[in-house]
Amino acid sequence: MSRAEETMITWDPTTQFDSETHSKTALSTFLRAEPSRIHSHSHLDPETQLLDSQDASSYASDASSIARFPDFHFNLHSLTTLSALRRRASKVNVLLVVLEVDGPDLITIKKGADAGKQIYVLKMILGDEDGAVCRLTAWRDVAEMWGGVGQAVGIKRGDIVHLENVFATCDPDSPVALTASPHLKSKAEICYRSMPRPSFPEDRRLRPDLRLGFSDAAVRRVAAVVAWFEKMAGLNVLT
């Protein structure tokens, strides 16, 4: 990351909190972390059958006859790029890669009707394939779910994520700031895990073979973000 980008990775004090209460039973609506469909190689199209088996092995499950197809649940035309956000506060949908994760942390609300109540807060730095960078703060149940509290799956560094219903604010002298909360009905979909954890075999289901759906424009967009991050981070570039 360049020196200019490093100077942007700082957190301004946040003074506002969402006052909405939200049922824990609705947590699963905030994060979708199974973006692939499992299919036997015997059902692949003839063109797909030509994939080199050694190259495809990194995207397959433990059974060599199983492939994971990308199955993303977003409309490409609904996405906004970070560079397109200019001084206008608005609710947006974005496709970004997670560069840094801070939290989730429990904090105590000091003022208002919820004074004394503890809630979760999660902060992230994200970027896109154009090299633009933003910062995001998630609150309450959204922060708890996206941060993986009490569960194996949560958003990690290197994840390509589709964020829906996040509030963007822009300042000419600062990177774009995104806010996510239950009040906004913010949702996240982990499209691809660029940095799977060796001790978590289930991370493999978050690495669908993007080549198997490359005719789809949404899959190509995800692949472009994957390639940018892997090159920037010095990882093996997706083939």
Foldseek 3Di string as FASTA:
>chain_A
DDPVVVVQPDDDDDDDDDPDDDDPVCLVLAEAEQFWDKDFQVPADPVVVPPDLVLQPLLAAPDSRIAIAGHDDDDPVQADAQVNDDQDKDWGKHWWAWADKDDQDWDAACDDPRHRDIFTKIKTWIHFLVGAIEIEIEIGSSNCAQVQPPHDDHDDHGFTKIKGQWIWGDDPVHGIYTYHYVVSSIHMYGRARLDDDPVDSVNSSRHGLLVSVVVDPVSVRSLSRNQSVCVVVVHDGRD
